[in-house]
């Protein structure tokens, strides 16, 4: 789903709303302001045995990706993720938003 009103997102919204036991949904309201992840997507990778497999970050760019392994780099993205989580709607509010958007797209 892209920023703003979903035009073709109704099936995906239905899927998300119907599988709430398996996932945690968070949504950022458009008025939450600029977020640290808006320039690039990233994934924090934490493993079961951090001594053997330390955490890392996968940066996703247009046509490429990069892995960051240095502890200070991983921590910077962990802090960015925490900031995004704090700005997000509660899970209950996010579900209500998804249901509202789903209703709007099926009218």
PDB file of N, CA and C in Angstrom:
ATOM      1  N   UNK A   1       0.844  -1.155   0.000  1.00  0.00           N
ATOM      2  CA  UNK A   1       0.000   0.000   0.000  1.00  0.00           C
ATOM      3  C   UNK A   1       0.893   1.221   0.000  1.00  0.00           C
ATOM      4  N   UNK A   2       0.580   2.188  -0.773  1.00  0.00           N
ATOM      5  CA  UNK A   2       1.394   3.386  -0.855  1.00  0.00           C
ATOM      6  C   UNK A   2       0.834   4.458   0.063  1.00  0.00           C
ATOM      7  N   UNK A   3       1.550   5.527   0.167  1.00  0.00           N
ATOM      8  CA  UNK A   3       1.142   6.652   0.989  1.00  0.00           C
ATOM      9  C   UNK A   3      -0.140   7.244   0.423  1.00  0.00           C
ATOM     10  N   UNK A   4      -1.059   7.595   1.296  1.00  0.00           N
ATOM     11  CA  UNK A   4      -2.313   8.183   0.847  1.00  0.00           C
ATOM     12  C   UNK A   4      -3.394   7.135   0.731  1.00  0.00           C
ATOM     13  N   UNK A   5      -4.408   7.423  -0.050  1.00  0.00           N
ATOM     14  CA  UNK A   5      -5.546   6.509  -0.201  1.00  0.00           C
ATOM     15  C   UNK A   5      -5.171   5.333  -1.097  1.00  0.00           C
ATOM     16  N   UNK A   6      -5.450   4.124  -0.649  1.00  0.00           N
ATOM     17  CA  UNK A   6      -5.180   2.968  -1.498  1.00  0.00           C
ATOM     18  C   UNK A   6      -6.225   2.864  -2.593  1.00  0.00           C
ATOM     19  N   UNK A   7      -5.798   2.674  -3.811  1.00  0.00           N
ATOM     20  CA  UNK A   7      -6.735   2.547  -4.914  1.00  0.00           C
ATOM     21  C   UNK A   7      -7.006   1.089  -5.236  1.00  0.00           C
ATOM     22  N   UNK A   8      -5.999   0.265  -5.112  1.00  0.00           N
ATOM     23  CA  UNK A   8      -6.146  -1.152  -5.426  1.00  0.00           C
ATOM     24  C   UNK A   8      -5.806  -1.996  -4.201  1.00  0.00           C
ATOM     25  N   UNK A   9      -5.862  -1.409  -3.022  1.00  0.00           N
ATOM     26  CA  UNK A   9      -5.439  -2.100  -1.816  1.00  0.00           C
ATOM     27  C   UNK A   9      -6.505  -2.904  -1.121  1.00  0.00           C
ATOM     28  N   UNK A  10      -7.743  -2.864  -1.583  1.00  0.00           N
ATOM     29  CA  UNK A  10      -8.827  -3.516  -0.862  1.00  0.00           C
ATOM     30  C   UNK A  10      -8.579  -4.999  -0.589  1.00  0.00           C
ATOM     31  N   UNK A  11      -8.160  -5.826  -1.556  1.00  0.00           N
ATOM     32  CA  UNK A  11      -7.898  -7.240  -1.229  1.00  0.00           C
ATOM     33  C   UNK A  11      -6.807  -7.398  -0.173  1.00  0.00           C
ATOM     34  N   UNK A  12      -5.777  -6.594  -0.252  1.00  0.00           N
ATOM     35  CA  UNK A  12      -4.695  -6.677   0.732  1.00  0.00           C
ATOM     36  C   UNK A  12      -5.196  -6.236   2.106  1.00  0.00           C
ATOM     37  N   UNK A  13      -6.006  -5.181   2.151  1.00  0.00           N
ATOM     38  CA  UNK A  13      -6.561  -4.734   3.422  1.00  0.00           C
ATOM     39  C   UNK A  13      -7.442  -5.818   4.032  1.00  0.00           C
ATOM     40  N   UNK A  14      -8.214  -6.485   3.200  1.00  0.00           N
ATOM     41  CA  UNK A  14      -9.054  -7.588   3.672  1.00  0.00           C
ATOM     42  C   UNK A  14      -8.180  -8.690   4.258  1.00  0.00           C
ATOM     43  N   UNK A  15      -7.111  -9.020   3.574  1.00  0.00           N
ATOM     44  CA  UNK A  15      -6.201 -10.065   4.040  1.00  0.00           C
ATOM     45  C   UNK A  15      -5.586  -9.686   5.387  1.00  0.00           C
ATOM     46  N   UNK A  16      -5.127  -8.437   5.515  1.00  0.00           N
ATOM     47  CA  UNK A  16      -4.535  -7.984   6.773  1.00  0.00           C
ATOM     48  C   UNK A  16      -5.547  -8.036   7.911  1.00  0.00           C
ATOM     49  N   UNK A  17      -6.734  -7.532   7.649  1.00  0.00           N
ATOM     50  CA  UNK A  17      -7.759  -7.471   8.690  1.00  0.00           C
ATOM     51  C   UNK A  17      -8.225  -8.854   9.118  1.00  0.00           C
ATOM     52  N   UNK A  18      -8.095  -9.855   8.258  1.00  0.00           N
ATOM     53  CA  UNK A  18      -8.599 -11.189   8.586  1.00  0.00           C
ATOM     54  C   UNK A  18      -7.564 -12.073   9.276  1.00  0.00           C
ATOM     55  N   UNK A  19      -6.312 -11.657   9.354  1.00  0.00           N
ATOM     56  CA  UNK A  19      -5.255 -12.509   9.898  1.00  0.00           C
ATOM     57  C   UNK A  19      -4.552 -11.845  11.081  1.00  0.00           C
ATOM     58  N   UNK A  20      -5.325 -11.238  11.981  1.00  0.00           N
ATOM     59  CA  UNK A  20      -4.730 -10.451  13.053  1.00  0.00           C
ATOM     60  C   UNK A  20      -4.091 -11.287  14.157  1.00  0.00           C
ATOM     61  N   UNK A  21      -4.353 -12.591  14.203  1.00  0.00           N
ATOM     62  CA  UNK A  21      -3.721 -13.429  15.216  1.00  0.00           C
ATOM     63  C   UNK A  21      -2.268 -13.730  14.883  1.00  0.00           C
ATOM     64  N   UNK A  22      -1.895 -13.611  13.616  1.00  0.00           N
ATOM     65  CA  UNK A  22      -0.548 -13.985  13.184  1.00  0.00           C
ATOM     66  C   UNK A  22       0.399 -12.794  13.060  1.00  0.00           C
ATOM     67  N   UNK A  23      -0.131 -11.592  13.081  1.00  0.00           N
ATOM     68  CA  UNK A  23       0.714 -10.415  12.844  1.00  0.00           C
ATOM     69  C   UNK A  23       0.363  -9.285  13.810  1.00  0.00           C
ATOM     70  N   UNK A  24       1.274  -8.352  13.948  1.00  0.00           N
ATOM     71  CA  UNK A  24       1.022  -7.108  14.660  1.00  0.00           C
ATOM     72  C   UNK A  24       0.999  -6.004  13.623  1.00  0.00           C
ATOM     73  N   UNK A  25      -0.067  -5.239  13.624  1.00  0.00           N
ATOM     74  CA  UNK A  25      -0.216  -4.169  12.634  1.00  0.00           C
ATOM     75  C   UNK A  25       0.063  -2.833  13.294  1.00  0.00           C
ATOM     76  N   UNK A  26       0.882  -2.041  12.632  1.00  0.00           N
ATOM     77  CA  UNK A  26       1.111  -0.668  13.045  1.00  0.00           C
ATOM     78  C   UNK A  26       0.980   0.198  11.803  1.00  0.00           C
ATOM     79  N   UNK A  27       0.446   1.393  11.976  1.00  0.00           N
ATOM     80  CA  UNK A  27       0.282   2.312  10.857  1.00  0.00           C
ATOM     81  C   UNK A  27       0.729   3.697  11.292  1.00  0.00           C
ATOM     82  N   UNK A  28       1.391   4.386  10.376  1.00  0.00           N
ATOM     83  CA  UNK A  28       1.800   5.761  10.639  1.00  0.00           C
ATOM     84  C   UNK A  28       0.771   6.703  10.019  1.00  0.00           C
ATOM     85  N   UNK A  29       0.194   7.576  10.828  1.00  0.00           N
ATOM     86  CA  UNK A  29      -0.719   8.551  10.243  1.00  0.00           C
ATOM     87  C   UNK A  29       0.057   9.537   9.375  1.00  0.00           C
ATOM     88  N   UNK A  30      -0.588  10.043   8.344  1.00  0.00           N
ATOM     89  CA  UNK A  30       0.095  10.969   7.442  1.00  0.00           C
ATOM     90  C   UNK A  30       0.575  12.219   8.164  1.00  0.00           C
ATOM     91  N   UNK A  31      -0.087  12.604   9.241  1.00  0.00           N
ATOM     92  CA  UNK A  31       0.306  13.821   9.954  1.00  0.00           C
ATOM     93  C   UNK A  31       1.386  13.569  11.008  1.00  0.00           C
ATOM     94  N   UNK A  32       1.993  12.363  11.004  1.00  0.00           N
ATOM     95  CA  UNK A  32       3.024  12.057  11.995  1.00  0.00           C
ATOM     96  C   UNK A  32       4.361  12.723  11.682  1.00  0.00           C
ATOM     97  N   UNK A  33       4.481  13.304  10.500  1.00  0.00           N
ATOM     98  CA  UNK A  33       5.708  14.003  10.142  1.00  0.00           C
ATOM     99  C   UNK A  33       6.732  13.097   9.486  1.00  0.00           C
ATOM    100  N   UNK A  34       7.872  13.667   9.163  1.00  0.00           N
ATOM    101  CA  UNK A  34       8.951  12.940   8.503  1.00  0.00           C
ATOM    102  C   UNK A  34       9.485  11.868   9.437  1.00  0.00           C
ATOM    103  N   UNK A  35       9.681  10.685   8.912  1.00  0.00           N
ATOM    104  CA  UNK A  35      10.225   9.583   9.695  1.00  0.00           C
ATOM    105  C   UNK A  35      11.618   9.232   9.192  1.00  0.00           C
ATOM    106  N   UNK A  36      12.407   8.672  10.079  1.00  0.00           N
ATOM    107  CA  UNK A  36      13.796   8.338   9.760  1.00  0.00           C
ATOM    108  C   UNK A  36      13.916   7.340   8.621  1.00  0.00           C
ATOM    109  N   UNK A  37      12.894   6.551   8.364  1.00  0.00           N
ATOM    110  CA  UNK A  37      12.998   5.523   7.332  1.00  0.00           C
ATOM    111  C   UNK A  37      12.456   5.976   5.981  1.00  0.00           C
ATOM    112  N   UNK A  38      12.003   7.209   5.850  1.00  0.00           N
ATOM    113  CA  UNK A  38      11.351   7.626   4.618  1.00  0.00           C
ATOM    114  C   UNK A  38      12.298   7.706   3.431  1.00  0.00           C
ATOM    115  N   UNK A  39      13.573   7.858   3.666  1.00  0.00           N
ATOM    116  CA  UNK A  39      14.501   7.949   2.543  1.00  0.00           C
ATOM    117  C   UNK A  39      14.806   6.575   1.952  1.00  0.00           C
ATOM    118  N   UNK A  40      14.896   5.550   2.766  1.00  0.00           N
ATOM    119  CA  UNK A  40      15.155   4.179   2.326  1.00  0.00           C
ATOM    120  C   UNK A  40      14.420   3.219   3.241  1.00  0.00           C
ATOM    121  N   UNK A  41      14.025   2.080   2.696  1.00  0.00           N
ATOM    122  CA  UNK A  41      13.493   1.034   3.546  1.00  0.00           C
ATOM    123  C   UNK A  41      14.643   0.298   4.217  1.00  0.00           C
ATOM    124  N   UNK A  42      14.382  -0.264   5.384  1.00  0.00           N
ATOM    125  CA  UNK A  42      15.410  -1.059   6.044  1.00  0.00           C
ATOM    126  C   UNK A  42      14.765  -2.192   6.819  1.00  0.00           C
ATOM    127  N   UNK A  43      15.553  -3.222   7.046  1.00  0.00           N
ATOM    128  CA  UNK A  43      15.115  -4.371   7.821  1.00  0.00           C
ATOM    129  C   UNK A  43      16.172  -4.647   8.874  1.00  0.00           C
ATOM    130  N   UNK A  44      15.744  -4.725  10.127  1.00  0.00           N
ATOM    131  CA  UNK A  44      16.632  -5.138  11.214  1.00  0.00           C
ATOM    132  C   UNK A  44      16.589  -6.652  11.304  1.00  0.00           C
ATOM    133  N   UNK A  45      17.736  -7.273  11.269  1.00  0.00           N
ATOM    134  CA  UNK A  45      17.815  -8.733  11.333  1.00  0.00           C
ATOM    135  C   UNK A  45      18.480  -9.127  12.647  1.00  0.00           C
ATOM    136  N   UNK A  46      17.690  -9.729  13.526  1.00  0.00           N
ATOM    137  CA  UNK A  46      18.191 -10.238  14.798  1.00  0.00           C
ATOM    138  C   UNK A  46      18.090 -11.751  14.762  1.00  0.00           C
ATOM    139  N   UNK A  47      19.096 -12.405  15.262  1.00  0.00           N
ATOM    140  CA  UNK A  47      19.152 -13.860  15.205  1.00  0.00           C
ATOM    141  C   UNK A  47      19.097 -14.456  16.608  1.00  0.00           C
ATOM    142  N   UNK A  48      18.784 -15.735  16.661  1.00  0.00           N
ATOM    143  CA  UNK A  48      18.612 -16.437  17.930  1.00  0.00           C
ATOM    144  C   UNK A  48      19.891 -16.446  18.756  1.00  0.00           C
ATOM    145  N   UNK A  49      21.035 -16.593  18.105  1.00  0.00           N
ATOM    146  CA  UNK A  49      22.311 -16.654  18.797  1.00  0.00           C
ATOM    147  C   UNK A  49      23.169 -15.462  18.372  1.00  0.00           C
ATOM    148  N   UNK A  50      23.041 -14.320  19.074  1.00  0.00           N
ATOM    149  CA  UNK A  50      23.773 -13.122  18.650  1.00  0.00           C
ATOM    150  C   UNK A  50      25.293 -13.233  18.742  1.00  0.00           C
ATOM    151  N   UNK A  51      25.799 -14.150  19.568  1.00  0.00           N
ATOM    152  CA  UNK A  51      27.245 -14.349  19.636  1.00  0.00           C
ATOM    153  C   UNK A  51      27.768 -14.941  18.330  1.00  0.00           C
ATOM    154  N   UNK A  52      27.010 -15.855  17.766  1.00  0.00           N
ATOM    155  CA  UNK A  52      27.400 -16.513  16.518  1.00  0.00           C
ATOM    156  C   UNK A  52      26.943 -15.712  15.295  1.00  0.00           C
ATOM    157  N   UNK A  53      25.751 -15.149  15.372  1.00  0.00           N
ATOM    158  CA  UNK A  53      25.167 -14.393  14.259  1.00  0.00           C
ATOM    159  C   UNK A  53      24.718 -13.038  14.766  1.00  0.00           C
ATOM    160  N   UNK A  54      25.609 -12.042  14.736  1.00  0.00           N
ATOM    161  CA  UNK A  54      25.227 -10.720  15.252  1.00  0.00           C
ATOM    162  C   UNK A  54      24.151 -10.056  14.383  1.00  0.00           C
ATOM    163  N   UNK A  55      23.404  -9.153  15.011  1.00  0.00           N
ATOM    164  CA  UNK A  55      22.371  -8.400  14.299  1.00  0.00           C
ATOM    165  C   UNK A  55      22.983  -7.602  13.165  1.00  0.00           C
ATOM    166  N   UNK A  56      22.172  -7.377  12.146  1.00  0.00           N
ATOM    167  CA  UNK A  56      22.597  -6.508  11.054  1.00  0.00           C
ATOM    168  C   UNK A  56      21.397  -5.808  10.457  1.00  0.00           C
ATOM    169  N   UNK A  57      21.665  -4.862   9.582  1.00  0.00           N
ATOM    170  CA  UNK A  57      20.629  -4.068   8.921  1.00  0.00           C
ATOM    171  C   UNK A  57      20.750  -4.284   7.428  1.00  0.00           C
ATOM    172  N   UNK A  58      19.621  -4.507   6.797  1.00  0.00           N
ATOM    173  CA  UNK A  58      19.561  -4.568   5.342  1.00  0.00           C
ATOM    174  C   UNK A  58      18.927  -3.272   4.864  1.00  0.00           C
ATOM    175  N   UNK A  59      19.682  -2.500   4.101  1.00  0.00           N
ATOM    176  CA  UNK A  59      19.171  -1.263   3.502  1.00  0.00           C
ATOM    177  C   UNK A  59      18.689  -1.575   2.098  1.00  0.00           C
ATOM    178  N   UNK A  60      17.481  -1.192   1.815  1.00  0.00           N
ATOM    179  CA  UNK A  60      16.889  -1.475   0.518  1.00  0.00           C
ATOM    180  C   UNK A  60      16.795  -0.185  -0.285  1.00  0.00           C
ATOM    181  N   UNK A  61      17.452  -0.159  -1.415  1.00  0.00           N
ATOM    182  CA  UNK A  61      17.414   0.998  -2.297  1.00  0.00           C
ATOM    183  C   UNK A  61      16.860   0.621  -3.647  1.00  0.00           C
ATOM    184  N   UNK A  62      16.792   1.573  -4.504  1.00  0.00           N
ATOM    185  CA  UNK A  62      16.296   1.321  -5.854  1.00  0.00           C
ATOM    186  C   UNK A  62      17.312   0.475  -6.600  1.00  0.00           C
ATOM    187  N   UNK A  63      16.977  -0.791  -6.802  1.00  0.00           N
ATOM    188  CA  UNK A  63      17.832  -1.687  -7.574  1.00  0.00           C
ATOM    189  C   UNK A  63      19.030  -2.247  -6.850  1.00  0.00           C
ATOM    190  N   UNK A  64      19.132  -2.017  -5.533  1.00  0.00           N
ATOM    191  CA  UNK A  64      20.274  -2.573  -4.810  1.00  0.00           C
ATOM    192  C   UNK A  64      19.935  -2.693  -3.326  1.00  0.00           C
ATOM    193  N   UNK A  65      20.778  -3.412  -2.625  1.00  0.00           N
ATOM    194  CA  UNK A  65      20.650  -3.487  -1.172  1.00  0.00           C
ATOM    195  C   UNK A  65      22.041  -3.560  -0.563  1.00  0.00           C
ATOM    196  N   UNK A  66      22.133  -3.159   0.695  1.00  0.00           N
ATOM    197  CA  UNK A  66      23.405  -3.134   1.406  1.00  0.00           C
ATOM    198  C   UNK A  66      23.186  -3.678   2.807  1.00  0.00           C
ATOM    199  N   UNK A  67      24.148  -4.397   3.328  1.00  0.00           N
ATOM    200  CA  UNK A  67      24.078  -4.884   4.699  1.00  0.00           C
ATOM    201  C   UNK A  67      25.045  -4.098   5.559  1.00  0.00           C
ATOM    202  N   UNK A  68      24.566  -3.655   6.709  1.00  0.00           N
ATOM    203  CA  UNK A  68      25.392  -2.959   7.690  1.00  0.00           C
ATOM    204  C   UNK A  68      25.562  -3.876   8.895  1.00  0.00           C
ATOM    205  N   UNK A  69      26.811  -4.039   9.336  1.00  0.00           N
ATOM    206  CA  UNK A  69      27.105  -4.993  10.411  1.00  0.00           C
ATOM    207  C   UNK A  69      27.698  -4.356  11.655  1.00  0.00           C
ATOM    208  N   UNK A  70      28.235  -3.166  11.518  1.00  0.00           N
ATOM    209  CA  UNK A  70      28.897  -2.530  12.663  1.00  0.00           C
ATOM    210  C   UNK A  70      27.869  -2.234  13.751  1.00  0.00           C
ATOM    211  N   UNK A  71      28.204  -2.552  15.015  1.00  0.00           N
ATOM    212  CA  UNK A  71      27.241  -2.355  16.108  1.00  0.00           C
ATOM    213  C   UNK A  71      26.663  -0.941  16.175  1.00  0.00           C
ATOM    214  N   UNK A  72      27.479   0.093  15.943  1.00  0.00           N
ATOM    215  CA  UNK A  72      26.956   1.462  16.021  1.00  0.00           C
ATOM    216  C   UNK A  72      25.979   1.747  14.878  1.00  0.00           C
ATOM    217  N   UNK A  73      26.180   1.113  13.727  1.00  0.00           N
ATOM    218  CA  UNK A  73      25.253   1.275  12.606  1.00  0.00           C
ATOM    219  C   UNK A  73      23.916   0.594  12.911  1.00  0.00           C
ATOM    220  N   UNK A  74      23.991  -0.628  13.424  1.00  0.00           N
ATOM    221  CA  UNK A  74      22.780  -1.369  13.767  1.00  0.00           C
ATOM    222  C   UNK A  74      21.999  -0.606  14.834  1.00  0.00           C
ATOM    223  N   UNK A  75      22.693  -0.085  15.829  1.00  0.00           N
ATOM    224  CA  UNK A  75      22.027   0.650  16.909  1.00  0.00           C
ATOM    225  C   UNK A  75      21.341   1.913  16.392  1.00  0.00           C
ATOM    226  N   UNK A  76      21.931   2.594  15.435  1.00  0.00           N
ATOM    227  CA  UNK A  76      21.301   3.794  14.866  1.00  0.00           C
ATOM    228  C   UNK A  76      19.970   3.441  14.201  1.00  0.00           C
ATOM    229  N   UNK A  77      19.920   2.326  13.502  1.00  0.00           N
ATOM    230  CA  UNK A  77      18.669   1.905  12.860  1.00  0.00           C
ATOM    231  C   UNK A  77      17.677   1.346  13.874  1.00  0.00           C
ATOM    232  N   UNK A  78      18.173   0.748  14.943  1.00  0.00           N
ATOM    233  CA  UNK A  78      17.288   0.281  16.000  1.00  0.00           C
ATOM    234  C   UNK A  78      16.595   1.491  16.662  1.00  0.00           C
ATOM    235  N   UNK A  79      17.348   2.561  16.852  1.00  0.00           N
ATOM    236  CA  UNK A  79      16.771   3.792  17.406  1.00  0.00           C
ATOM    237  C   UNK A  79      15.753   4.397  16.438  1.00  0.00           C
ATOM    238  N   UNK A  80      16.052   4.383  15.136  1.00  0.00           N
ATOM    239  CA  UNK A  80      15.109   4.888  14.142  1.00  0.00           C
ATOM    240  C   UNK A  80      13.818   4.066  14.163  1.00  0.00           C
ATOM    241  N   UNK A  81      13.948   2.748  14.267  1.00  0.00           N
ATOM    242  CA  UNK A  81      12.779   1.879  14.326  1.00  0.00           C
ATOM    243  C   UNK A  81      11.940   2.190  15.567  1.00  0.00           C
ATOM    244  N   UNK A  82      12.605   2.407  16.693  1.00  0.00           N
ATOM    245  CA  UNK A  82      11.894   2.767  17.923  1.00  0.00           C
ATOM    246  C   UNK A  82      11.128   4.067  17.767  1.00  0.00           C
ATOM    247  N   UNK A  83      11.727   5.034  17.093  1.00  0.00           N
ATOM    248  CA  UNK A  83      11.064   6.311  16.840  1.00  0.00           C
ATOM    249  C   UNK A  83       9.818   6.119  15.982  1.00  0.00           C
ATOM    250  N   UNK A  84       9.938   5.274  14.961  1.00  0.00           N
ATOM    251  CA  UNK A  84       8.796   4.988  14.093  1.00  0.00           C
ATOM    252  C   UNK A  84       7.688   4.310  14.900  1.00  0.00           C
ATOM    253  N   UNK A  85       8.046   3.347  15.730  1.00  0.00           N
ATOM    254  CA  UNK A  85       7.045   2.658  16.543  1.00  0.00           C
ATOM    255  C   UNK A  85       6.329   3.622  17.483  1.00  0.00           C
ATOM    256  N   UNK A  86       7.069   4.556  18.069  1.00  0.00           N
ATOM    257  CA  UNK A  86       6.450   5.520  18.984  1.00  0.00           C
ATOM    258  C   UNK A  86       5.506   6.470  18.259  1.00  0.00           C
ATOM    259  N   UNK A  87       5.764   6.734  16.981  1.00  0.00           N
ATOM    260  CA  UNK A  87       4.909   7.626  16.191  1.00  0.00           C
ATOM    261  C   UNK A  87       3.686   6.910  15.622  1.00  0.00           C
ATOM    262  N   UNK A  88       3.710   5.599  15.619  1.00  0.00           N
ATOM    263  CA  UNK A  88       2.640   4.814  14.998  1.00  0.00           C
ATOM    264  C   UNK A  88       1.377   4.831  15.851  1.00  0.00           C
ATOM    265  N   UNK A  89       0.255   4.601  15.171  1.00  0.00           N
ATOM    266  CA  UNK A  89      -1.011   4.428  15.864  1.00  0.00           C
ATOM    267  C   UNK A  89      -0.951   3.167  16.716  1.00  0.00           C
ATOM    268  N   UNK A  90      -1.782   3.106  17.743  1.00  0.00           N
ATOM    269  CA  UNK A  90      -1.883   1.869  18.510  1.00  0.00           C
ATOM    270  C   UNK A  90      -2.410   0.774  17.581  1.00  0.00           C
ATOM    271  N   UNK A  91      -2.239  -0.472  17.978  1.00  0.00           N
ATOM    272  CA  UNK A  91      -2.712  -1.564  17.132  1.00  0.00           C
ATOM    273  C   UNK A  91      -4.221  -1.471  16.914  1.00  0.00           C
ATOM    274  N   UNK A  92      -4.953  -1.128  17.955  1.00  0.00           N
ATOM    275  CA  UNK A  92      -6.410  -0.991  17.824  1.00  0.00           C
ATOM    276  C   UNK A  92      -6.765   0.121  16.843  1.00  0.00           C
ATOM    277  N   UNK A  93      -6.095   1.259  16.949  1.00  0.00           N
ATOM    278  CA  UNK A  93      -6.367   2.371  16.030  1.00  0.00           C
ATOM    279  C   UNK A  93      -5.954   2.023  14.607  1.00  0.00           C
ATOM    280  N   UNK A  94      -4.854   1.277  14.447  1.00  0.00           N
ATOM    281  CA  UNK A  94      -4.407   0.879  13.106  1.00  0.00           C
ATOM    282  C   UNK A  94      -5.426  -0.057  12.464  1.00  0.00           C
ATOM    283  N   UNK A  95      -5.967  -0.975  13.242  1.00  0.00           N
ATOM    284  CA  UNK A  95      -6.981  -1.890  12.713  1.00  0.00           C
ATOM    285  C   UNK A  95      -8.225  -1.115  12.303  1.00  0.00           C
ATOM    286  N   UNK A  96      -8.640  -0.164  13.129  1.00  0.00           N
ATOM    287  CA  UNK A  96      -9.797   0.672  12.759  1.00  0.00           C
ATOM    288  C   UNK A  96      -9.524   1.420  11.461  1.00  0.00           C
ATOM    289  N   UNK A  97      -8.310   1.957  11.307  1.00  0.00           N
ATOM    290  CA  UNK A  97      -7.953   2.677  10.083  1.00  0.00           C
ATOM    291  C   UNK A  97      -8.013   1.744   8.876  1.00  0.00           C
ATOM    292  N   UNK A  98      -7.480   0.549   9.007  1.00  0.00           N
ATOM    293  CA  UNK A  98      -7.507  -0.416   7.902  1.00  0.00           C
ATOM    294  C   UNK A  98      -8.939  -0.760   7.529  1.00  0.00           C
ATOM    295  N   UNK A  99      -9.769  -0.978   8.537  1.00  0.00           N
ATOM    296  CA  UNK A  99     -11.169  -1.296   8.255  1.00  0.00           C
ATOM    297  C   UNK A  99     -11.873  -0.128   7.571  1.00  0.00           C
ATOM    298  N   UNK A 100     -11.569   1.104   8.014  1.00  0.00           N
ATOM    299  CA  UNK A 100     -12.146   2.291   7.389  1.00  0.00           C
ATOM    300  C   UNK A 100     -11.698   2.408   5.934  1.00  0.00           C
ATOM    301  N   UNK A 101     -10.420   2.218   5.680  1.00  0.00           N
ATOM    302  CA  UNK A 101      -9.899   2.291   4.314  1.00  0.00           C
ATOM    303  C   UNK A 101     -10.491   1.194   3.427  1.00  0.00           C
ATOM    304  N   UNK A 102     -10.645   0.011   4.016  1.00  0.00           N
ATOM    305  CA  UNK A 102     -11.240  -1.092   3.267  1.00  0.00           C
ATOM    306  C   UNK A 102     -12.668  -0.760   2.865  1.00  0.00           C
ATOM    307  N   UNK A 103     -13.430  -0.198   3.790  1.00  0.00           N
ATOM    308  CA  UNK A 103     -14.811   0.201   3.487  1.00  0.00           C
ATOM    309  C   UNK A 103     -14.845   1.270   2.396  1.00  0.00           C
ATOM    310  N   UNK A 104     -13.940   2.239   2.473  1.00  0.00           N
ATOM    311  CA  UNK A 104     -13.893   3.309   1.474  1.00  0.00           C
ATOM    312  C   UNK A 104     -13.540   2.786   0.088  1.00  0.00           C
ATOM    313  N   UNK A 105     -12.684   1.790   0.031  1.00  0.00           N
ATOM    314  CA  UNK A 105     -12.265   1.271  -1.276  1.00  0.00           C
ATOM    315  C   UNK A 105     -13.252   0.304  -1.883  1.00  0.00           C
ATOM    316  N   UNK A 106     -14.188  -0.194  -1.083  1.00  0.00           N
ATOM    317  CA  UNK A 106     -15.172  -1.131  -1.634  1.00  0.00           C
ATOM    318  C   UNK A 106     -16.494  -0.451  -1.974  1.00  0.00           C
ATOM    319  N   UNK A 107     -16.600   0.838  -1.740  1.00  0.00           N
ATOM    320  CA  UNK A 107     -17.834   1.572  -2.070  1.00  0.00           C
ATOM    321  C   UNK A 107     -17.963   1.798  -3.547  1.00  0.00           C
TER     322      UNK A 107
END
